[in-house]
Amino acid sequence: MIVEQFQVRDGEAPGEASLVVFGEVDLVSRDVFVRQLEVLLDRAPTRAVVDMTDVAFMDSTGVHALLGADELARGRGTRLEVRASPQVRRVLELLGLLDTLTVD
């Protein structure tokens, strides 16, 4: 079930939250991913972390969602950080986005 592959959690410090993502981020899961990113940013006015360390595959729709969330976060003064699996990191690297997004 798609909904179970996304979990928003409160962070350790006030104003922080994380979105833990599992499995694949693609056209099938894009709408839920975008909504969960919006929920994350609503709950994290200071720092938002997208934990994608358990993501096995991400296509361009996932990349687009991350870029949109990053733009929204910057507009709000929120720091958006992406914790990437090797597969996600490789996609972001190939697209030249490691300097655009905050990726660790």
PDB file of N, CA and C in Angstrom:
ATOM      1  N   MET A   1       0.837  -1.186   0.000  1.00  0.00           N
ATOM      2  CA  MET A   1       0.000   0.000   0.000  1.00  0.00           C
ATOM      3  C   MET A   1       0.880   1.248   0.000  1.00  0.00           C
ATOM      4  N   ILE A   2       0.626   2.180  -0.847  1.00  0.00           N
ATOM      5  CA  ILE A   2       1.467   3.371  -1.035  1.00  0.00           C
ATOM      6  C   ILE A   2       1.560   4.212   0.232  1.00  0.00           C
ATOM      7  N   VAL A   3       0.453   4.417   0.931  1.00  0.00           N
ATOM      8  CA  VAL A   3       0.445   5.303   2.092  1.00  0.00           C
ATOM      9  C   VAL A   3       1.452   4.848   3.137  1.00  0.00           C
ATOM     10  N   GLU A   4       1.660   3.548   3.300  1.00  0.00           N
ATOM     11  CA  GLU A   4       2.565   3.035   4.311  1.00  0.00           C
ATOM     12  C   GLU A   4       4.034   3.287   3.987  1.00  0.00           C
ATOM     13  N   GLN A   5       4.347   3.680   2.771  1.00  0.00           N
ATOM     14  CA  GLN A   5       5.746   3.899   2.445  1.00  0.00           C
ATOM     15  C   GLN A   5       6.216   5.302   2.817  1.00  0.00           C
ATOM     16  N   PHE A   6       5.338   6.109   3.402  1.00  0.00           N
ATOM     17  CA  PHE A   6       5.688   7.461   3.827  1.00  0.00           C
ATOM     18  C   PHE A   6       5.250   7.658   5.274  1.00  0.00           C
ATOM     19  N   GLN A   7       6.171   8.092   6.142  1.00  0.00           N
ATOM     20  CA  GLN A   7       5.842   8.350   7.537  1.00  0.00           C
ATOM     21  C   GLN A   7       6.444   9.681   7.962  1.00  0.00           C
ATOM     22  N   VAL A   8       5.610  10.616   8.399  1.00  0.00           N
ATOM     23  CA  VAL A   8       6.088  11.894   8.918  1.00  0.00           C
ATOM     24  C   VAL A   8       6.238  11.743  10.429  1.00  0.00           C
ATOM     25  N   ARG A   9       7.404  12.140  10.926  1.00  0.00           N
ATOM     26  CA  ARG A   9       7.698  12.030  12.355  1.00  0.00           C
ATOM     27  C   ARG A   9       8.201  13.364  12.879  1.00  0.00           C
ATOM     28  N   ASP A  10       7.901  13.648  14.147  1.00  0.00           N
ATOM     29  CA  ASP A  10       8.440  14.851  14.775  1.00  0.00           C
ATOM     30  C   ASP A  10       9.932  14.666  15.002  1.00  0.00           C
ATOM     31  N   GLY A  11      10.671  15.786  14.911  1.00  0.00           N
ATOM     32  CA  GLY A  11      12.114  15.746  15.123  1.00  0.00           C
ATOM     33  C   GLY A  11      12.469  15.823  16.586  1.00  0.00           C
ATOM     34  N   GLU A  12      13.761  15.766  16.847  1.00  0.00           N
ATOM     35  CA  GLU A  12      14.248  15.807  18.229  1.00  0.00           C
ATOM     36  C   GLU A  12      14.152  17.207  18.828  1.00  0.00           C
ATOM     37  N   ALA A  13      14.271  18.223  18.009  1.00  0.00           N
ATOM     38  CA  ALA A  13      14.226  19.602  18.491  1.00  0.00           C
ATOM     39  C   ALA A  13      12.914  20.249  18.051  1.00  0.00           C
ATOM     40  N   PRO A  14      12.456  21.262  18.775  1.00  0.00           N
ATOM     41  CA  PRO A  14      11.243  21.976  18.362  1.00  0.00           C
ATOM     42  C   PRO A  14      11.412  22.557  16.958  1.00  0.00           C
ATOM     43  N   GLY A  15      10.371  22.481  16.166  1.00  0.00           N
ATOM     44  CA  GLY A  15      10.415  23.036  14.818  1.00  0.00           C
ATOM     45  C   GLY A  15      11.022  22.114  13.786  1.00  0.00           C
ATOM     46  N   GLU A  16      11.354  20.888  14.194  1.00  0.00           N
ATOM     47  CA  GLU A  16      11.947  19.932  13.271  1.00  0.00           C
ATOM     48  C   GLU A  16      11.040  18.728  13.091  1.00  0.00           C
ATOM     49  N   ALA A  17      11.063  18.171  11.885  1.00  0.00           N
ATOM     50  CA  ALA A  17      10.309  16.951  11.595  1.00  0.00           C
ATOM     51  C   ALA A  17      11.009  16.219  10.465  1.00  0.00           C
ATOM     52  N   SER A  18      10.654  14.938  10.294  1.00  0.00           N
ATOM     53  CA  SER A  18      11.246  14.164   9.210  1.00  0.00           C
ATOM     54  C   SER A  18      10.162  13.365   8.496  1.00  0.00           C
ATOM     55  N   LEU A  19      10.430  13.100   7.238  1.00  0.00           N
ATOM     56  CA  LEU A  19       9.595  12.236   6.418  1.00  0.00           C
ATOM     57  C   LEU A  19      10.455  11.041   6.051  1.00  0.00           C
ATOM     58  N   VAL A  20      10.057   9.866   6.503  1.00  0.00           N
ATOM     59  CA  VAL A  20      10.788   8.644   6.208  1.00  0.00           C
ATOM     60  C   VAL A  20      10.095   7.980   5.017  1.00  0.00           C
ATOM     61  N   VAL A  21      10.884   7.684   3.989  1.00  0.00           N
ATOM     62  CA  VAL A  21      10.358   7.142   2.737  1.00  0.00           C
ATOM     63  C   VAL A  21      10.967   5.764   2.491  1.00  0.00           C
ATOM     64  N   PHE A  22      10.126   4.817   2.085  1.00  0.00           N
ATOM     65  CA  PHE A  22      10.560   3.440   1.814  1.00  0.00           C
ATOM     66  C   PHE A  22      10.208   3.057   0.386  1.00  0.00           C
ATOM     67  N   GLY A  23      10.962   2.139  -0.182  1.00  0.00           N
ATOM     68  CA  GLY A  23      10.591   1.544  -1.463  1.00  0.00           C
ATOM     69  C   GLY A  23      10.946   2.381  -2.665  1.00  0.00           C
ATOM     70  N   GLU A  24       9.938   2.657  -3.494  1.00  0.00           N
ATOM     71  CA  GLU A  24      10.139   3.374  -4.749  1.00  0.00           C
ATOM     72  C   GLU A  24       9.362   4.681  -4.764  1.00  0.00           C
ATOM     73  N   VAL A  25       9.983   5.700  -5.342  1.00  0.00           N
ATOM     74  CA  VAL A  25       9.319   6.999  -5.543  1.00  0.00           C
ATOM     75  C   VAL A  25       9.259   7.200  -7.050  1.00  0.00           C
ATOM     76  N   ASP A  26       8.059   7.085  -7.578  1.00  0.00           N
ATOM     77  CA  ASP A  26       7.872   7.159  -9.022  1.00  0.00           C
ATOM     78  C   ASP A  26       6.494   7.734  -9.332  1.00  0.00           C
ATOM     79  N   LEU A  27       6.075   7.624 -10.563  1.00  0.00           N
ATOM     80  CA  LEU A  27       4.789   8.180 -10.985  1.00  0.00           C
ATOM     81  C   LEU A  27       3.632   7.639 -10.155  1.00  0.00           C
ATOM     82  N   VAL A  28       3.692   6.381  -9.773  1.00  0.00           N
ATOM     83  CA  VAL A  28       2.612   5.760  -8.998  1.00  0.00           C
ATOM     84  C   VAL A  28       2.483   6.392  -7.617  1.00  0.00           C
ATOM     85  N   SER A  29       3.592   6.703  -6.979  1.00  0.00           N
ATOM     86  CA  SER A  29       3.561   7.232  -5.607  1.00  0.00           C
ATOM     87  C   SER A  29       3.714   8.749  -5.532  1.00  0.00           C
ATOM     88  N   ARG A  30       3.885   9.407  -6.658  1.00  0.00           N
ATOM     89  CA  ARG A  30       4.195  10.841  -6.680  1.00  0.00           C
ATOM     90  C   ARG A  30       3.193  11.696  -5.924  1.00  0.00           C
ATOM     91  N   ASP A  31       1.913  11.530  -6.157  1.00  0.00           N
ATOM     92  CA  ASP A  31       0.919  12.395  -5.510  1.00  0.00           C
ATOM     93  C   ASP A  31       0.954  12.276  -3.988  1.00  0.00           C
ATOM     94  N   VAL A  32       1.098  11.051  -3.495  1.00  0.00           N
ATOM     95  CA  VAL A  32       1.187  10.853  -2.047  1.00  0.00           C
ATOM     96  C   VAL A  32       2.488  11.459  -1.526  1.00  0.00           C
ATOM     97  N   PHE A  33       3.584  11.277  -2.259  1.00  0.00           N
ATOM     98  CA  PHE A  33       4.875  11.844  -1.860  1.00  0.00           C
ATOM     99  C   PHE A  33       4.794  13.361  -1.758  1.00  0.00           C
ATOM    100  N   VAL A  34       4.190  14.009  -2.742  1.00  0.00           N
ATOM    101  CA  VAL A  34       4.047  15.467  -2.729  1.00  0.00           C
ATOM    102  C   VAL A  34       3.221  15.910  -1.528  1.00  0.00           C
ATOM    103  N   ARG A  35       2.109  15.236  -1.264  1.00  0.00           N
ATOM    104  CA  ARG A  35       1.268  15.597  -0.112  1.00  0.00           C
ATOM    105  C   ARG A  35       2.028  15.414   1.198  1.00  0.00           C
ATOM    106  N   GLN A  36       2.791  14.332   1.303  1.00  0.00           N
ATOM    107  CA  GLN A  36       3.551  14.096   2.530  1.00  0.00           C
ATOM    108  C   GLN A  36       4.683  15.110   2.706  1.00  0.00           C
ATOM    109  N   LEU A  37       5.281  15.554   1.623  1.00  0.00           N
ATOM    110  CA  LEU A  37       6.274  16.627   1.713  1.00  0.00           C
ATOM    111  C   LEU A  37       5.629  17.918   2.216  1.00  0.00           C
ATOM    112  N   GLU A  38       4.414  18.210   1.771  1.00  0.00           N
ATOM    113  CA  GLU A  38       3.698  19.395   2.247  1.00  0.00           C
ATOM    114  C   GLU A  38       3.380  19.276   3.735  1.00  0.00           C
ATOM    115  N   VAL A  39       2.954  18.084   4.178  1.00  0.00           N
ATOM    116  CA  VAL A  39       2.693  17.851   5.601  1.00  0.00           C
ATOM    117  C   VAL A  39       3.980  18.057   6.398  1.00  0.00           C
ATOM    118  N   LEU A  40       5.070  17.518   5.889  1.00  0.00           N
ATOM    119  CA  LEU A  40       6.367  17.677   6.546  1.00  0.00           C
ATOM    120  C   LEU A  40       6.708  19.147   6.732  1.00  0.00           C
ATOM    121  N   LEU A  41       6.581  19.934   5.682  1.00  0.00           N
ATOM    122  CA  LEU A  41       6.943  21.352   5.771  1.00  0.00           C
ATOM    123  C   LEU A  41       6.000  22.119   6.690  1.00  0.00           C
ATOM    124  N   ASP A  42       4.752  21.705   6.774  1.00  0.00           N
ATOM    125  CA  ASP A  42       3.819  22.344   7.706  1.00  0.00           C
ATOM    126  C   ASP A  42       4.199  22.058   9.160  1.00  0.00           C
ATOM    127  N   ARG A  43       4.804  20.904   9.404  1.00  0.00           N
ATOM    128  CA  ARG A  43       5.169  20.509  10.767  1.00  0.00           C
ATOM    129  C   ARG A  43       6.582  20.906  11.147  1.00  0.00           C
ATOM    130  N   ALA A  44       7.359  21.401  10.200  1.00  0.00           N
ATOM    131  CA  ALA A  44       8.772  21.680  10.461  1.00  0.00           C
ATOM    132  C   ALA A  44       9.140  23.087  10.007  1.00  0.00           C
ATOM    133  N   PRO A  45       8.822  24.101  10.789  1.00  0.00           N
ATOM    134  CA  PRO A  45       9.139  25.469  10.367  1.00  0.00           C
ATOM    135  C   PRO A  45      10.629  25.792  10.352  1.00  0.00           C
ATOM    136  N   THR A  46      11.448  24.998  11.022  1.00  0.00           N
ATOM    137  CA  THR A  46      12.877  25.268  11.095  1.00  0.00           C
ATOM    138  C   THR A  46      13.694  24.347  10.199  1.00  0.00           C
ATOM    139  N   ARG A  47      13.526  23.047  10.411  1.00  0.00           N
ATOM    140  CA  ARG A  47      14.339  22.050   9.700  1.00  0.00           C
ATOM    141  C   ARG A  47      13.478  20.846   9.349  1.00  0.00           C
ATOM    142  N   ALA A  48      13.506  20.472   8.066  1.00  0.00           N
ATOM    143  CA  ALA A  48      12.754  19.316   7.576  1.00  0.00           C
ATOM    144  C   ALA A  48      13.725  18.337   6.930  1.00  0.00           C
ATOM    145  N   VAL A  49      13.635  17.086   7.333  1.00  0.00           N
ATOM    146  CA  VAL A  49      14.526  16.054   6.809  1.00  0.00           C
ATOM    147  C   VAL A  49      13.705  15.038   6.027  1.00  0.00           C
ATOM    148  N   VAL A  50      14.116  14.757   4.800  1.00  0.00           N
ATOM    149  CA  VAL A  50      13.505  13.704   4.000  1.00  0.00           C
ATOM    150  C   VAL A  50      14.481  12.536   4.019  1.00  0.00           C
ATOM    151  N   ASP A  51      14.135  11.508   4.792  1.00  0.00           N
ATOM    152  CA  ASP A  51      14.995  10.344   4.950  1.00  0.00           C
ATOM    153  C   ASP A  51      14.662   9.334   3.854  1.00  0.00           C
ATOM    154  N   MET A  52      15.526   9.278   2.847  1.00  0.00           N
ATOM    155  CA  MET A  52      15.321   8.387   1.707  1.00  0.00           C
ATOM    156  C   MET A  52      16.375   7.278   1.689  1.00  0.00           C
ATOM    157  N   THR A  53      16.907   6.936   2.860  1.00  0.00           N
ATOM    158  CA  THR A  53      17.953   5.924   2.926  1.00  0.00           C
ATOM    159  C   THR A  53      17.443   4.525   2.588  1.00  0.00           C
ATOM    160  N   ASP A  54      16.131   4.312   2.644  1.00  0.00           N
ATOM    161  CA  ASP A  54      15.551   3.013   2.286  1.00  0.00           C
ATOM    162  C   ASP A  54      14.802   3.055   0.962  1.00  0.00           C
ATOM    163  N   VAL A  55      15.132   4.029   0.115  1.00  0.00           N
ATOM    164  CA  VAL A  55      14.506   4.121  -1.212  1.00  0.00           C
ATOM    165  C   VAL A  55      15.399   3.386  -2.213  1.00  0.00           C
ATOM    166  N   ALA A  56      14.803   2.413  -2.909  1.00  0.00           N
ATOM    167  CA  ALA A  56      15.547   1.610  -3.875  1.00  0.00           C
ATOM    168  C   ALA A  56      15.537   2.217  -5.272  1.00  0.00           C
ATOM    169  N   PHE A  57      14.527   3.062  -5.557  1.00  0.00           N
ATOM    170  CA  PHE A  57      14.386   3.624  -6.903  1.00  0.00           C
ATOM    171  C   PHE A  57      13.669   4.958  -6.810  1.00  0.00           C
ATOM    172  N   MET A  58      14.146   5.936  -7.583  1.00  0.00           N
ATOM    173  CA  MET A  58      13.461   7.219  -7.703  1.00  0.00           C
ATOM    174  C   MET A  58      13.582   7.683  -9.145  1.00  0.00           C
ATOM    175  N   ASP A  59      12.457   8.061  -9.739  1.00  0.00           N
ATOM    176  CA  ASP A  59      12.489   8.582 -11.109  1.00  0.00           C
ATOM    177  C   ASP A  59      12.357  10.102 -11.089  1.00  0.00           C
ATOM    178  N   SER A  60      12.184  10.670 -12.273  1.00  0.00           N
ATOM    179  CA  SER A  60      12.147  12.135 -12.397  1.00  0.00           C
ATOM    180  C   SER A  60      10.983  12.771 -11.650  1.00  0.00           C
ATOM    181  N   THR A  61       9.894  12.028 -11.439  1.00  0.00           N
ATOM    182  CA  THR A  61       8.770  12.619 -10.700  1.00  0.00           C
ATOM    183  C   THR A  61       9.156  12.835  -9.236  1.00  0.00           C
ATOM    184  N   GLY A  62       9.964  11.931  -8.689  1.00  0.00           N
ATOM    185  CA  GLY A  62      10.456  12.109  -7.323  1.00  0.00           C
ATOM    186  C   GLY A  62      11.419  13.273  -7.225  1.00  0.00           C
ATOM    187  N   VAL A  63      12.274  13.411  -8.222  1.00  0.00           N
ATOM    188  CA  VAL A  63      13.212  14.535  -8.269  1.00  0.00           C
ATOM    189  C   VAL A  63      12.442  15.849  -8.328  1.00  0.00           C
ATOM    190  N   HIS A  64      11.448  15.901  -9.176  1.00  0.00           N
ATOM    191  CA  HIS A  64      10.632  17.117  -9.317  1.00  0.00           C
ATOM    192  C   HIS A  64       9.937  17.456  -8.000  1.00  0.00           C
ATOM    193  N   ALA A  65       9.434  16.446  -7.310  1.00  0.00           N
ATOM    194  CA  ALA A  65       8.777  16.677  -6.019  1.00  0.00           C
ATOM    195  C   ALA A  65       9.767  17.240  -4.998  1.00  0.00           C
ATOM    196  N   LEU A  66      10.985  16.699  -4.967  1.00  0.00           N
ATOM    197  CA  LEU A  66      11.996  17.215  -4.041  1.00  0.00           C
ATOM    198  C   LEU A  66      12.363  18.660  -4.356  1.00  0.00           C
ATOM    199  N   LEU A  67      12.522  18.972  -5.633  1.00  0.00           N
ATOM    200  CA  LEU A  67      12.849  20.347  -6.024  1.00  0.00           C
ATOM    201  C   LEU A  67      11.731  21.308  -5.655  1.00  0.00           C
ATOM    202  N   GLY A  68      10.484  20.892  -5.851  1.00  0.00           N
ATOM    203  CA  GLY A  68       9.348  21.731  -5.470  1.00  0.00           C
ATOM    204  C   GLY A  68       9.295  21.951  -3.974  1.00  0.00           C
ATOM    205  N   ALA A  69       9.553  20.898  -3.201  1.00  0.00           N
ATOM    206  CA  ALA A  69       9.561  21.018  -1.743  1.00  0.00           C
ATOM    207  C   ALA A  69      10.697  21.917  -1.273  1.00  0.00           C
ATOM    208  N   ASP A  70      11.854  21.807  -1.927  1.00  0.00           N
ATOM    209  CA  ASP A  70      12.991  22.652  -1.564  1.00  0.00           C
ATOM    210  C   ASP A  70      12.672  24.122  -1.826  1.00  0.00           C
ATOM    211  N   GLU A  71      12.044  24.390  -2.948  1.00  0.00           N
ATOM    212  CA  GLU A  71      11.661  25.774  -3.265  1.00  0.00           C
ATOM    213  C   GLU A  71      10.654  26.307  -2.245  1.00  0.00           C
ATOM    214  N   LEU A  72       9.669  25.485  -1.897  1.00  0.00           N
ATOM    215  CA  LEU A  72       8.679  25.882  -0.903  1.00  0.00           C
ATOM    216  C   LEU A  72       9.337  26.103   0.453  1.00  0.00           C
ATOM    217  N   ALA A  73      10.239  25.215   0.834  1.00  0.00           N
ATOM    218  CA  ALA A  73      10.938  25.348   2.121  1.00  0.00           C
ATOM    219  C   ALA A  73      11.753  26.630   2.179  1.00  0.00           C
ATOM    220  N   ARG A  74      12.490  26.921   1.111  1.00  0.00           N
ATOM    221  CA  ARG A  74      13.303  28.147   1.093  1.00  0.00           C
ATOM    222  C   ARG A  74      12.424  29.389   1.223  1.00  0.00           C
ATOM    223  N   GLY A  75      11.272  29.370   0.582  1.00  0.00           N
ATOM    224  CA  GLY A  75      10.343  30.488   0.680  1.00  0.00           C
ATOM    225  C   GLY A  75       9.820  30.706   2.089  1.00  0.00           C
ATOM    226  N   ARG A  76       9.788  29.636   2.865  1.00  0.00           N
ATOM    227  CA  ARG A  76       9.304  29.696   4.249  1.00  0.00           C
ATOM    228  C   ARG A  76      10.431  29.901   5.259  1.00  0.00           C
ATOM    229  N   GLY A  77      11.668  29.851   4.771  1.00  0.00           N
ATOM    230  CA  GLY A  77      12.803  29.959   5.682  1.00  0.00           C
ATOM    231  C   GLY A  77      13.120  28.653   6.388  1.00  0.00           C
ATOM    232  N   THR A  78      12.705  27.543   5.817  1.00  0.00           N
ATOM    233  CA  THR A  78      12.942  26.219   6.387  1.00  0.00           C
ATOM    234  C   THR A  78      14.110  25.562   5.661  1.00  0.00           C
ATOM    235  N   ARG A  79      14.947  24.872   6.407  1.00  0.00           N
ATOM    236  CA  ARG A  79      16.053  24.121   5.814  1.00  0.00           C
ATOM    237  C   ARG A  79      15.550  22.716   5.494  1.00  0.00           C
ATOM    238  N   LEU A  80      15.593  22.328   4.220  1.00  0.00           N
ATOM    239  CA  LEU A  80      15.199  20.988   3.788  1.00  0.00           C
ATOM    240  C   LEU A  80      16.455  20.174   3.525  1.00  0.00           C
ATOM    241  N   GLU A  81      16.571  19.030   4.180  1.00  0.00           N
ATOM    242  CA  GLU A  81      17.722  18.151   4.016  1.00  0.00           C
ATOM    243  C   GLU A  81      17.247  16.798   3.495  1.00  0.00           C
ATOM    244  N   VAL A  82      18.005  16.219   2.588  1.00  0.00           N
ATOM    245  CA  VAL A  82      17.697  14.903   2.034  1.00  0.00           C
ATOM    246  C   VAL A  82      18.782  13.928   2.467  1.00  0.00           C
ATOM    247  N   ARG A  83      18.368  12.877   3.157  1.00  0.00           N
ATOM    248  CA  ARG A  83      19.281  11.773   3.470  1.00  0.00           C
ATOM    249  C   ARG A  83      19.041  10.727   2.399  1.00  0.00           C
ATOM    250  N   ALA A  84      20.026  10.527   1.551  1.00  0.00           N
ATOM    251  CA  ALA A  84      19.832   9.742   0.339  1.00  0.00           C
ATOM    252  C   ALA A  84      20.444   8.345   0.413  1.00  0.00           C
ATOM    253  N   SER A  85      19.717   7.385  -0.145  1.00  0.00           N
ATOM    254  CA  SER A  85      20.279   6.058  -0.384  1.00  0.00           C
ATOM    255  C   SER A  85      21.291   6.194  -1.518  1.00  0.00           C
ATOM    256  N   PRO A  86      22.139   5.203  -1.727  1.00  0.00           N
ATOM    257  CA  PRO A  86      23.070   5.290  -2.861  1.00  0.00           C
ATOM    258  C   PRO A  86      22.352   5.475  -4.204  1.00  0.00           C
ATOM    259  N   GLN A  87      21.193   4.850  -4.358  1.00  0.00           N
ATOM    260  CA  GLN A  87      20.452   4.970  -5.610  1.00  0.00           C
ATOM    261  C   GLN A  87      19.916   6.390  -5.807  1.00  0.00           C
ATOM    262  N   VAL A  88      19.377   6.974  -4.756  1.00  0.00           N
ATOM    263  CA  VAL A  88      18.854   8.344  -4.836  1.00  0.00           C
ATOM    264  C   VAL A  88      20.001   9.318  -5.047  1.00  0.00           C
ATOM    265  N   ARG A  89      21.093   9.130  -4.313  1.00  0.00           N
ATOM    266  CA  ARG A  89      22.261  10.003  -4.462  1.00  0.00           C
ATOM    267  C   ARG A  89      22.771   9.974  -5.902  1.00  0.00           C
ATOM    268  N   ARG A  90      22.792   8.797  -6.505  1.00  0.00           N
ATOM    269  CA  ARG A  90      23.287   8.664  -7.882  1.00  0.00           C
ATOM    270  C   ARG A  90      22.411   9.438  -8.855  1.00  0.00           C
ATOM    271  N   VAL A  91      21.097   9.343  -8.690  1.00  0.00           N
ATOM    272  CA  VAL A  91      20.182  10.091  -9.565  1.00  0.00           C
ATOM    273  C   VAL A  91      20.430  11.593  -9.413  1.00  0.00           C
ATOM    274  N   LEU A  92      20.513  12.054  -8.171  1.00  0.00           N
ATOM    275  CA  LEU A  92      20.735  13.484  -7.926  1.00  0.00           C
ATOM    276  C   LEU A  92      22.094  13.934  -8.455  1.00  0.00           C
ATOM    277  N   GLU A  93      23.090  13.070  -8.322  1.00  0.00           N
ATOM    278  CA  GLU A  93      24.425  13.380  -8.831  1.00  0.00           C
ATOM    279  C   GLU A  93      24.420  13.490 -10.358  1.00  0.00           C
ATOM    280  N   LEU A  94      23.794  12.536 -11.024  1.00  0.00           N
ATOM    281  CA  LEU A  94      23.736  12.555 -12.492  1.00  0.00           C
ATOM    282  C   LEU A  94      23.032  13.801 -13.020  1.00  0.00           C
ATOM    283  N   LEU A  95      22.073  14.302 -12.247  1.00  0.00           N
ATOM    284  CA  LEU A  95      21.334  15.505 -12.654  1.00  0.00           C
ATOM    285  C   LEU A  95      22.006  16.795 -12.192  1.00  0.00           C
ATOM    286  N   GLY A  96      23.128  16.681 -11.493  1.00  0.00           N
ATOM    287  CA  GLY A  96      23.842  17.866 -11.032  1.00  0.00           C
ATOM    288  C   GLY A  96      23.140  18.596  -9.907  1.00  0.00           C
ATOM    289  N   LEU A  97      22.414  17.870  -9.059  1.00  0.00           N
ATOM    290  CA  LEU A  97      21.616  18.495  -8.024  1.00  0.00           C
ATOM    291  C   LEU A  97      22.203  18.379  -6.610  1.00  0.00           C
ATOM    292  N   LEU A  98      23.384  17.794  -6.484  1.00  0.00           N
ATOM    293  CA  LEU A  98      23.968  17.662  -5.153  1.00  0.00           C
ATOM    294  C   LEU A  98      24.322  19.011  -4.539  1.00  0.00           C
ATOM    295  N   ASP A  99      24.564  20.014  -5.373  1.00  0.00           N
ATOM    296  CA  ASP A  99      24.839  21.361  -4.877  1.00  0.00           C
ATOM    297  C   ASP A  99      23.573  22.200  -4.758  1.00  0.00           C
ATOM    298  N   THR A 100      22.506  21.787  -5.416  1.00  0.00           N
ATOM    299  CA  THR A 100      21.237  22.516  -5.354  1.00  0.00           C
ATOM    300  C   THR A 100      20.461  22.132  -4.103  1.00  0.00           C
ATOM    301  N   LEU A 101      20.356  20.846  -3.858  1.00  0.00           N
ATOM    302  CA  LEU A 101      19.677  20.340  -2.669  1.00  0.00           C
ATOM    303  C   LEU A 101      20.702  20.074  -1.574  1.00  0.00           C
ATOM    304  N   THR A 102      20.272  20.116  -0.334  1.00  0.00           N
ATOM    305  CA  THR A 102      21.141  19.748   0.778  1.00  0.00           C
ATOM    306  C   THR A 102      21.025  18.235   0.946  1.00  0.00           C
ATOM    307  N   VAL A 103      22.068  17.512   0.521  1.00  0.00           N
ATOM    308  CA  VAL A 103      22.041  16.053   0.507  1.00  0.00           C
ATOM    309  C   VAL A 103      23.161  15.521   1.385  1.00  0.00           C
ATOM    310  N   ASP A 104      22.804  14.604   2.270  1.00  0.00           N
ATOM    311  CA  ASP A 104      23.853  13.901   3.025  1.00  0.00           C
ATOM    312  C   ASP A 104      23.611  12.419   2.977  1.00  0.00           C
TER     313      ASP A 104
END
